[in-house]
């Protein structure tokens, strides 16, 4: 019996070389290629000054308002890892702040995703280290547990397995399942190329909007002449 206290080994993880190729692709393009059905919710917003995130997930499930297992995860994390914390979305107590973010920066980690609150928002906002969180509070965390590391977690219905790819930009963050990473990278590049053509067409006046009327006709929309 682990009684909500266990630390597991991560069995697999997306490679950093592959993960970093996603830094050149907008999260929205990847999301579109996942049928627009997957998201970590609009509650979690980028708290840092800007810049993209991509790295393998090191997952943490913690009691709301408690960061004991996040401290342990910092001891276990490897360069490039993105630590993703399911803290229940509670905003009463901050899960992380300047000290832990500074530690993560020093270790060369890839980012934090906190389904909970942060503090020291000014420090985080002044840096490019990726931090996504649901809110800000000055109240600090407890450090009593329970909690788990390298277990499946979920944020607003999006399941994150240890070692999955976690990406983020100004639009938010997204988990790409381990087995789908290479396929979705290729699909996202194709989507990005198609959108580049569309943007160029809008700029030079050649963008074809015929699909709009075709769709309305297919749907049987009445259009008064």
C-alpha atoms as a PDB file:
ATOM      1  CA  UNK A   1       0.000   0.000   0.000  1.00  0.00           C
ATOM      2  CA  UNK A   2       1.414   3.374  -1.023  1.00  0.00           C
ATOM      3  CA  UNK A   3      -1.338   5.556   0.502  1.00  0.00           C
ATOM      4  CA  UNK A   4      -0.855   8.230  -2.121  1.00  0.00           C
ATOM      5  CA  UNK A   5       2.903   8.393  -1.578  1.00  0.00           C
ATOM      6  CA  UNK A   6       4.974   6.817  -4.326  1.00  0.00           C
ATOM      7  CA  UNK A   7       7.813   7.710  -6.661  1.00  0.00           C
ATOM      8  CA  UNK A   8       8.072   5.640  -9.824  1.00  0.00           C
ATOM      9  CA  UNK A   9      10.731   5.401 -12.495  1.00  0.00           C
ATOM     10  CA  UNK A  10       9.923   6.928 -15.866  1.00  0.00           C
ATOM     11  CA  UNK A  11       9.903   4.012 -18.286  1.00  0.00           C
ATOM     12  CA  UNK A  12      10.330   6.004 -21.499  1.00  0.00           C
ATOM     13  CA  UNK A  13      10.611   9.598 -22.649  1.00  0.00           C
ATOM     14  CA  UNK A  14      10.553  11.433 -25.965  1.00  0.00           C
ATOM     15  CA  UNK A  15      14.082  12.400 -27.014  1.00  0.00           C
ATOM     16  CA  UNK A  16      15.200  15.987 -26.555  1.00  0.00           C
ATOM     17  CA  UNK A  17      16.322  16.189 -30.195  1.00  0.00           C
ATOM     18  CA  UNK A  18      12.828  15.273 -31.363  1.00  0.00           C
ATOM     19  CA  UNK A  19      11.128  17.457 -28.759  1.00  0.00           C
ATOM     20  CA  UNK A  20      13.096  20.545 -29.743  1.00  0.00           C
ATOM     21  CA  UNK A  21      11.910  20.282 -33.344  1.00  0.00           C
ATOM     22  CA  UNK A  22       8.499  21.321 -32.020  1.00  0.00           C
ATOM     23  CA  UNK A  23       9.913  24.677 -30.931  1.00  0.00           C
ATOM     24  CA  UNK A  24       9.545  25.809 -34.549  1.00  0.00           C
ATOM     25  CA  UNK A  25       5.880  24.813 -34.801  1.00  0.00           C
ATOM     26  CA  UNK A  26       2.960  26.785 -33.301  1.00  0.00           C
ATOM     27  CA  UNK A  27       1.028  24.840 -30.679  1.00  0.00           C
ATOM     28  CA  UNK A  28      -2.179  25.694 -32.569  1.00  0.00           C
ATOM     29  CA  UNK A  29      -0.919  23.804 -35.633  1.00  0.00           C
ATOM     30  CA  UNK A  30      -0.224  20.708 -33.566  1.00  0.00           C
ATOM     31  CA  UNK A  31      -3.603  21.048 -31.868  1.00  0.00           C
ATOM     32  CA  UNK A  32      -5.351  21.233 -35.254  1.00  0.00           C
ATOM     33  CA  UNK A  33      -3.602  18.022 -36.291  1.00  0.00           C
ATOM     34  CA  UNK A  34      -4.965  16.360 -33.136  1.00  0.00           C
ATOM     35  CA  UNK A  35      -8.516  17.032 -34.403  1.00  0.00           C
ATOM     36  CA  UNK A  36      -8.884  20.008 -32.019  1.00  0.00           C
ATOM     37  CA  UNK A  37     -10.027  17.509 -29.378  1.00  0.00           C
ATOM     38  CA  UNK A  38      -7.133  17.771 -26.929  1.00  0.00           C
ATOM     39  CA  UNK A  39      -6.295  20.656 -24.600  1.00  0.00           C
ATOM     40  CA  UNK A  40      -5.071  21.399 -21.115  1.00  0.00           C
ATOM     41  CA  UNK A  41      -7.722  24.055 -20.699  1.00  0.00           C
ATOM     42  CA  UNK A  42      -7.637  27.802 -21.079  1.00  0.00           C
ATOM     43  CA  UNK A  43      -7.187  28.302 -17.323  1.00  0.00           C
ATOM     44  CA  UNK A  44      -3.447  27.642 -17.474  1.00  0.00           C
ATOM     45  CA  UNK A  45      -1.718  30.628 -19.026  1.00  0.00           C
ATOM     46  CA  UNK A  46       1.949  31.453 -19.719  1.00  0.00           C
ATOM     47  CA  UNK A  47       3.331  33.394 -16.755  1.00  0.00           C
ATOM     48  CA  UNK A  48       6.801  33.989 -18.227  1.00  0.00           C
ATOM     49  CA  UNK A  49       7.950  36.780 -20.515  1.00  0.00           C
ATOM     50  CA  UNK A  50       7.567  34.749 -23.707  1.00  0.00           C
ATOM     51  CA  UNK A  51       9.121  31.878 -25.568  1.00  0.00           C
ATOM     52  CA  UNK A  52       8.188  28.340 -26.476  1.00  0.00           C
ATOM     53  CA  UNK A  53       8.421  25.122 -24.494  1.00  0.00           C
ATOM     54  CA  UNK A  54       9.030  21.549 -25.626  1.00  0.00           C
ATOM     55  CA  UNK A  55      10.287  18.615 -23.592  1.00  0.00           C
ATOM     56  CA  UNK A  56       9.465  15.228 -22.061  1.00  0.00           C
ATOM     57  CA  UNK A  57       7.000  15.239 -19.183  1.00  0.00           C
ATOM     58  CA  UNK A  58       8.021  14.427 -15.646  1.00  0.00           C
ATOM     59  CA  UNK A  59       4.629  14.142 -13.964  1.00  0.00           C
ATOM     60  CA  UNK A  60       3.684  15.036 -10.398  1.00  0.00           C
ATOM     61  CA  UNK A  61       0.353  14.500  -8.648  1.00  0.00           C
ATOM     62  CA  UNK A  62       0.175  16.536  -5.480  1.00  0.00           C
ATOM     63  CA  UNK A  63      -2.300  17.419  -2.799  1.00  0.00           C
ATOM     64  CA  UNK A  64      -3.702  20.884  -3.540  1.00  0.00           C
ATOM     65  CA  UNK A  65      -1.486  23.526  -1.984  1.00  0.00           C
ATOM     66  CA  UNK A  66       1.396  21.119  -1.261  1.00  0.00           C
ATOM     67  CA  UNK A  67       4.715  21.034  -3.153  1.00  0.00           C
ATOM     68  CA  UNK A  68       6.673  18.284  -1.370  1.00  0.00           C
ATOM     69  CA  UNK A  69       6.700  16.090  -4.470  1.00  0.00           C
ATOM     70  CA  UNK A  70       7.620  18.981  -6.745  1.00  0.00           C
ATOM     71  CA  UNK A  71      10.751  19.433  -4.633  1.00  0.00           C
ATOM     72  CA  UNK A  72      11.520  15.735  -5.105  1.00  0.00           C
ATOM     73  CA  UNK A  73      10.823  15.978  -8.829  1.00  0.00           C
ATOM     74  CA  UNK A  74      13.430  18.739  -9.079  1.00  0.00           C
ATOM     75  CA  UNK A  75      15.958  16.280  -7.650  1.00  0.00           C
ATOM     76  CA  UNK A  76      15.006  13.649 -10.233  1.00  0.00           C
ATOM     77  CA  UNK A  77      14.590  15.852 -13.312  1.00  0.00           C
ATOM     78  CA  UNK A  78      16.984  15.739 -16.248  1.00  0.00           C
ATOM     79  CA  UNK A  79      17.953  18.693 -18.460  1.00  0.00           C
ATOM     80  CA  UNK A  80      15.126  19.507 -20.841  1.00  0.00           C
ATOM     81  CA  UNK A  81      12.405  17.888 -18.740  1.00  0.00           C
ATOM     82  CA  UNK A  82       9.095  19.690 -18.325  1.00  0.00           C
ATOM     83  CA  UNK A  83       7.698  19.120 -14.842  1.00  0.00           C
ATOM     84  CA  UNK A  84       3.901  18.902 -15.013  1.00  0.00           C
ATOM     85  CA  UNK A  85       2.046  19.153 -11.706  1.00  0.00           C
ATOM     86  CA  UNK A  86      -1.570  18.155 -11.170  1.00  0.00           C
ATOM     87  CA  UNK A  87      -2.335  20.133  -8.023  1.00  0.00           C
ATOM     88  CA  UNK A  88      -6.080  19.974  -8.501  1.00  0.00           C
ATOM     89  CA  UNK A  89      -6.379  23.491  -9.902  1.00  0.00           C
ATOM     90  CA  UNK A  90      -6.554  24.969  -6.400  1.00  0.00           C
ATOM     91  CA  UNK A  91      -5.396  28.602  -6.142  1.00  0.00           C
ATOM     92  CA  UNK A  92      -5.282  28.937  -2.352  1.00  0.00           C
ATOM     93  CA  UNK A  93      -1.551  28.248  -1.979  1.00  0.00           C
ATOM     94  CA  UNK A  94       1.287  28.666  -4.469  1.00  0.00           C
ATOM     95  CA  UNK A  95       2.988  25.485  -5.636  1.00  0.00           C
ATOM     96  CA  UNK A  96       6.165  27.187  -6.852  1.00  0.00           C
ATOM     97  CA  UNK A  97       7.927  30.541  -6.954  1.00  0.00           C
ATOM     98  CA  UNK A  98      11.276  32.243  -7.487  1.00  0.00           C
ATOM     99  CA  UNK A  99      13.464  29.783  -5.567  1.00  0.00           C
ATOM    100  CA  UNK A 100      12.250  26.647  -7.318  1.00  0.00           C
ATOM    101  CA  UNK A 101      12.068  28.301 -10.727  1.00  0.00           C
ATOM    102  CA  UNK A 102      15.626  29.540 -10.239  1.00  0.00           C
ATOM    103  CA  UNK A 103      16.668  25.989  -9.371  1.00  0.00           C
ATOM    104  CA  UNK A 104      14.986  24.688 -12.540  1.00  0.00           C
ATOM    105  CA  UNK A 105      16.723  27.328 -14.646  1.00  0.00           C
ATOM    106  CA  UNK A 106      20.069  26.347 -13.177  1.00  0.00           C
ATOM    107  CA  UNK A 107      19.444  22.691 -14.000  1.00  0.00           C
ATOM    108  CA  UNK A 108      18.507  23.463 -17.596  1.00  0.00           C
ATOM    109  CA  UNK A 109      14.978  22.135 -17.337  1.00  0.00           C
ATOM    110  CA  UNK A 110      12.435  22.729 -20.077  1.00  0.00           C
ATOM    111  CA  UNK A 111       9.619  24.311 -18.084  1.00  0.00           C
ATOM    112  CA  UNK A 112       6.909  24.028 -15.423  1.00  0.00           C
ATOM    113  CA  UNK A 113       3.217  23.358 -15.937  1.00  0.00           C
ATOM    114  CA  UNK A 114       1.301  23.901 -12.697  1.00  0.00           C
ATOM    115  CA  UNK A 115      -2.405  23.125 -12.405  1.00  0.00           C
ATOM    116  CA  UNK A 116      -2.491  25.416  -9.421  1.00  0.00           C
ATOM    117  CA  UNK A 117      -1.028  28.759  -8.402  1.00  0.00           C
ATOM    118  CA  UNK A 118       2.422  30.336  -8.429  1.00  0.00           C
ATOM    119  CA  UNK A 119       3.940  33.257  -6.540  1.00  0.00           C
ATOM    120  CA  UNK A 120       6.859  35.633  -7.182  1.00  0.00           C
ATOM    121  CA  UNK A 121       5.082  36.444 -10.412  1.00  0.00           C
ATOM    122  CA  UNK A 122       7.335  39.427 -11.113  1.00  0.00           C
ATOM    123  CA  UNK A 123      10.448  37.235 -11.178  1.00  0.00           C
ATOM    124  CA  UNK A 124       8.776  34.660 -13.390  1.00  0.00           C
ATOM    125  CA  UNK A 125       7.400  37.311 -15.732  1.00  0.00           C
ATOM    126  CA  UNK A 126      10.873  38.838 -16.093  1.00  0.00           C
ATOM    127  CA  UNK A 127      12.367  35.548 -17.301  1.00  0.00           C
ATOM    128  CA  UNK A 128      11.939  33.389 -20.388  1.00  0.00           C
ATOM    129  CA  UNK A 129      11.860  30.089 -18.488  1.00  0.00           C
ATOM    130  CA  UNK A 130       8.457  28.621 -19.431  1.00  0.00           C
ATOM    131  CA  UNK A 131       5.950  28.563 -16.586  1.00  0.00           C
ATOM    132  CA  UNK A 132       2.274  27.815 -17.174  1.00  0.00           C
ATOM    133  CA  UNK A 133      -0.113  28.100 -14.241  1.00  0.00           C
ATOM    134  CA  UNK A 134      -3.747  28.696 -13.349  1.00  0.00           C
ATOM    135  CA  UNK A 135      -3.222  31.717 -11.122  1.00  0.00           C
ATOM    136  CA  UNK A 136      -1.117  33.743  -8.683  1.00  0.00           C
ATOM    137  CA  UNK A 137      -1.199  34.031  -4.903  1.00  0.00           C
ATOM    138  CA  UNK A 138       1.261  35.234  -2.264  1.00  0.00           C
ATOM    139  CA  UNK A 139       0.339  32.389   0.104  1.00  0.00           C
ATOM    140  CA  UNK A 140       3.061  29.759   0.223  1.00  0.00           C
ATOM    141  CA  UNK A 141       2.760  25.963  -0.008  1.00  0.00           C
ATOM    142  CA  UNK A 142       2.664  23.183   2.546  1.00  0.00           C
ATOM    143  CA  UNK A 143       5.222  20.378   2.345  1.00  0.00           C
ATOM    144  CA  UNK A 144       3.542  17.386   3.964  1.00  0.00           C
ATOM    145  CA  UNK A 145       2.331  15.291   1.031  1.00  0.00           C
ATOM    146  CA  UNK A 146       0.827  13.042  -0.058  1.00  0.00           C
ATOM    147  CA  UNK A 147       1.862  12.980  -3.684  1.00  0.00           C
ATOM    148  CA  UNK A 148       3.118  10.836  -6.551  1.00  0.00           C
ATOM    149  CA  UNK A 149       5.779  11.142  -9.234  1.00  0.00           C
ATOM    150  CA  UNK A 150       5.780   9.600 -12.720  1.00  0.00           C
ATOM    151  CA  UNK A 151       2.153   8.530 -12.679  1.00  0.00           C
ATOM    152  CA  UNK A 152      -0.506   9.362 -15.291  1.00  0.00           C
ATOM    153  CA  UNK A 153      -2.182  12.681 -14.530  1.00  0.00           C
ATOM    154  CA  UNK A 154      -4.934  14.719 -16.169  1.00  0.00           C
ATOM    155  CA  UNK A 155      -5.469  18.458 -16.525  1.00  0.00           C
ATOM    156  CA  UNK A 156      -8.952  19.467 -17.665  1.00  0.00           C
ATOM    157  CA  UNK A 157      -9.396  16.052 -19.240  1.00  0.00           C
ATOM    158  CA  UNK A 158      -6.061  15.984 -21.074  1.00  0.00           C
ATOM    159  CA  UNK A 159      -4.149  12.893 -19.956  1.00  0.00           C
ATOM    160  CA  UNK A 160      -0.384  13.242 -19.567  1.00  0.00           C
ATOM    161  CA  UNK A 161       1.753  10.131 -19.244  1.00  0.00           C
ATOM    162  CA  UNK A 162       5.331  10.259 -17.952  1.00  0.00           C
ATOM    163  CA  UNK A 163       7.647  10.828 -20.927  1.00  0.00           C
ATOM    164  CA  UNK A 164       4.983  12.264 -23.235  1.00  0.00           C
ATOM    165  CA  UNK A 165       5.914  15.415 -25.122  1.00  0.00           C
ATOM    166  CA  UNK A 166       4.708  18.675 -23.564  1.00  0.00           C
ATOM    167  CA  UNK A 167       4.764  21.812 -25.727  1.00  0.00           C
ATOM    168  CA  UNK A 168       3.726  25.385 -25.109  1.00  0.00           C
ATOM    169  CA  UNK A 169       3.661  28.895 -26.541  1.00  0.00           C
ATOM    170  CA  UNK A 170       1.630  32.078 -26.082  1.00  0.00           C
ATOM    171  CA  UNK A 171      -1.619  30.170 -26.788  1.00  0.00           C
ATOM    172  CA  UNK A 172      -1.101  27.681 -23.962  1.00  0.00           C
ATOM    173  CA  UNK A 173       0.288  24.179 -23.578  1.00  0.00           C
ATOM    174  CA  UNK A 174      -0.471  20.774 -25.070  1.00  0.00           C
ATOM    175  CA  UNK A 175       0.514  17.158 -24.442  1.00  0.00           C
ATOM    176  CA  UNK A 176       1.474  15.042 -27.438  1.00  0.00           C
ATOM    177  CA  UNK A 177       1.285  11.293 -26.661  1.00  0.00           C
ATOM    178  CA  UNK A 178       4.620   9.489 -26.873  1.00  0.00           C
ATOM    179  CA  UNK A 179       3.559   7.154 -29.701  1.00  0.00           C
ATOM    180  CA  UNK A 180       2.216   9.998 -31.856  1.00  0.00           C
ATOM    181  CA  UNK A 181       5.101  12.482 -31.668  1.00  0.00           C
ATOM    182  CA  UNK A 182       6.823  11.827 -35.001  1.00  0.00           C
ATOM    183  CA  UNK A 183       3.563  11.568 -36.957  1.00  0.00           C
ATOM    184  CA  UNK A 184       2.222  14.785 -35.491  1.00  0.00           C
ATOM    185  CA  UNK A 185       5.470  16.649 -36.110  1.00  0.00           C
ATOM    186  CA  UNK A 186       5.211  15.858 -39.824  1.00  0.00           C
ATOM    187  CA  UNK A 187       1.503  16.738 -39.905  1.00  0.00           C
ATOM    188  CA  UNK A 188       2.083  20.018 -38.069  1.00  0.00           C
ATOM    189  CA  UNK A 189       4.787  21.023 -40.543  1.00  0.00           C
ATOM    190  CA  UNK A 190       2.342  20.392 -43.390  1.00  0.00           C
ATOM    191  CA  UNK A 191      -0.319  22.445 -41.614  1.00  0.00           C
ATOM    192  CA  UNK A 192       2.138  25.267 -41.017  1.00  0.00           C
ATOM    193  CA  UNK A 193       3.167  25.295 -44.691  1.00  0.00           C
ATOM    194  CA  UNK A 194      -0.480  25.427 -45.811  1.00  0.00           C
ATOM    195  CA  UNK A 195      -1.186  28.345 -43.478  1.00  0.00           C
ATOM    196  CA  UNK A 196       1.872  30.192 -44.776  1.00  0.00           C
ATOM    197  CA  UNK A 197       0.365  30.005 -48.270  1.00  0.00           C
ATOM    198  CA  UNK A 198      -2.976  31.262 -46.932  1.00  0.00           C
ATOM    199  CA  UNK A 199      -1.378  34.225 -45.160  1.00  0.00           C
ATOM    200  CA  UNK A 200       0.532  35.133 -48.329  1.00  0.00           C
ATOM    201  CA  UNK A 201      -2.699  34.917 -50.338  1.00  0.00           C
ATOM    202  CA  UNK A 202      -4.490  37.268 -47.940  1.00  0.00           C
ATOM    203  CA  UNK A 203      -1.617  39.725 -48.227  1.00  0.00           C
ATOM    204  CA  UNK A 204      -1.605  39.783 -52.034  1.00  0.00           C
ATOM    205  CA  UNK A 205      -5.373  39.463 -52.533  1.00  0.00           C
ATOM    206  CA  UNK A 206      -5.371  35.983 -54.067  1.00  0.00           C
ATOM    207  CA  UNK A 207      -6.800  34.044 -51.124  1.00  0.00           C
ATOM    208  CA  UNK A 208      -9.682  31.865 -52.339  1.00  0.00           C
ATOM    209  CA  UNK A 209     -12.699  31.853 -49.996  1.00  0.00           C
ATOM    210  CA  UNK A 210     -14.858  29.707 -52.290  1.00  0.00           C
ATOM    211  CA  UNK A 211     -14.937  27.015 -49.612  1.00  0.00           C
ATOM    212  CA  UNK A 212     -17.198  29.213 -47.453  1.00  0.00           C
ATOM    213  CA  UNK A 213     -20.080  29.265 -49.928  1.00  0.00           C
ATOM    214  CA  UNK A 214     -19.489  25.622 -50.808  1.00  0.00           C
ATOM    215  CA  UNK A 215     -19.856  24.671 -47.152  1.00  0.00           C
ATOM    216  CA  UNK A 216     -22.990  26.784 -46.695  1.00  0.00           C
ATOM    217  CA  UNK A 217     -24.527  25.196 -49.783  1.00  0.00           C
ATOM    218  CA  UNK A 218     -23.715  21.724 -48.491  1.00  0.00           C
ATOM    219  CA  UNK A 219     -25.388  22.597 -45.197  1.00  0.00           C
ATOM    220  CA  UNK A 220     -28.502  23.844 -46.983  1.00  0.00           C
ATOM    221  CA  UNK A 221     -28.151  27.429 -45.791  1.00  0.00           C
ATOM    222  CA  UNK A 222     -30.719  29.880 -47.187  1.00  0.00           C
ATOM    223  CA  UNK A 223     -29.043  32.951 -48.705  1.00  0.00           C
ATOM    224  CA  UNK A 224     -31.386  35.703 -49.814  1.00  0.00           C
ATOM    225  CA  UNK A 225     -30.516  36.928 -53.284  1.00  0.00           C
END
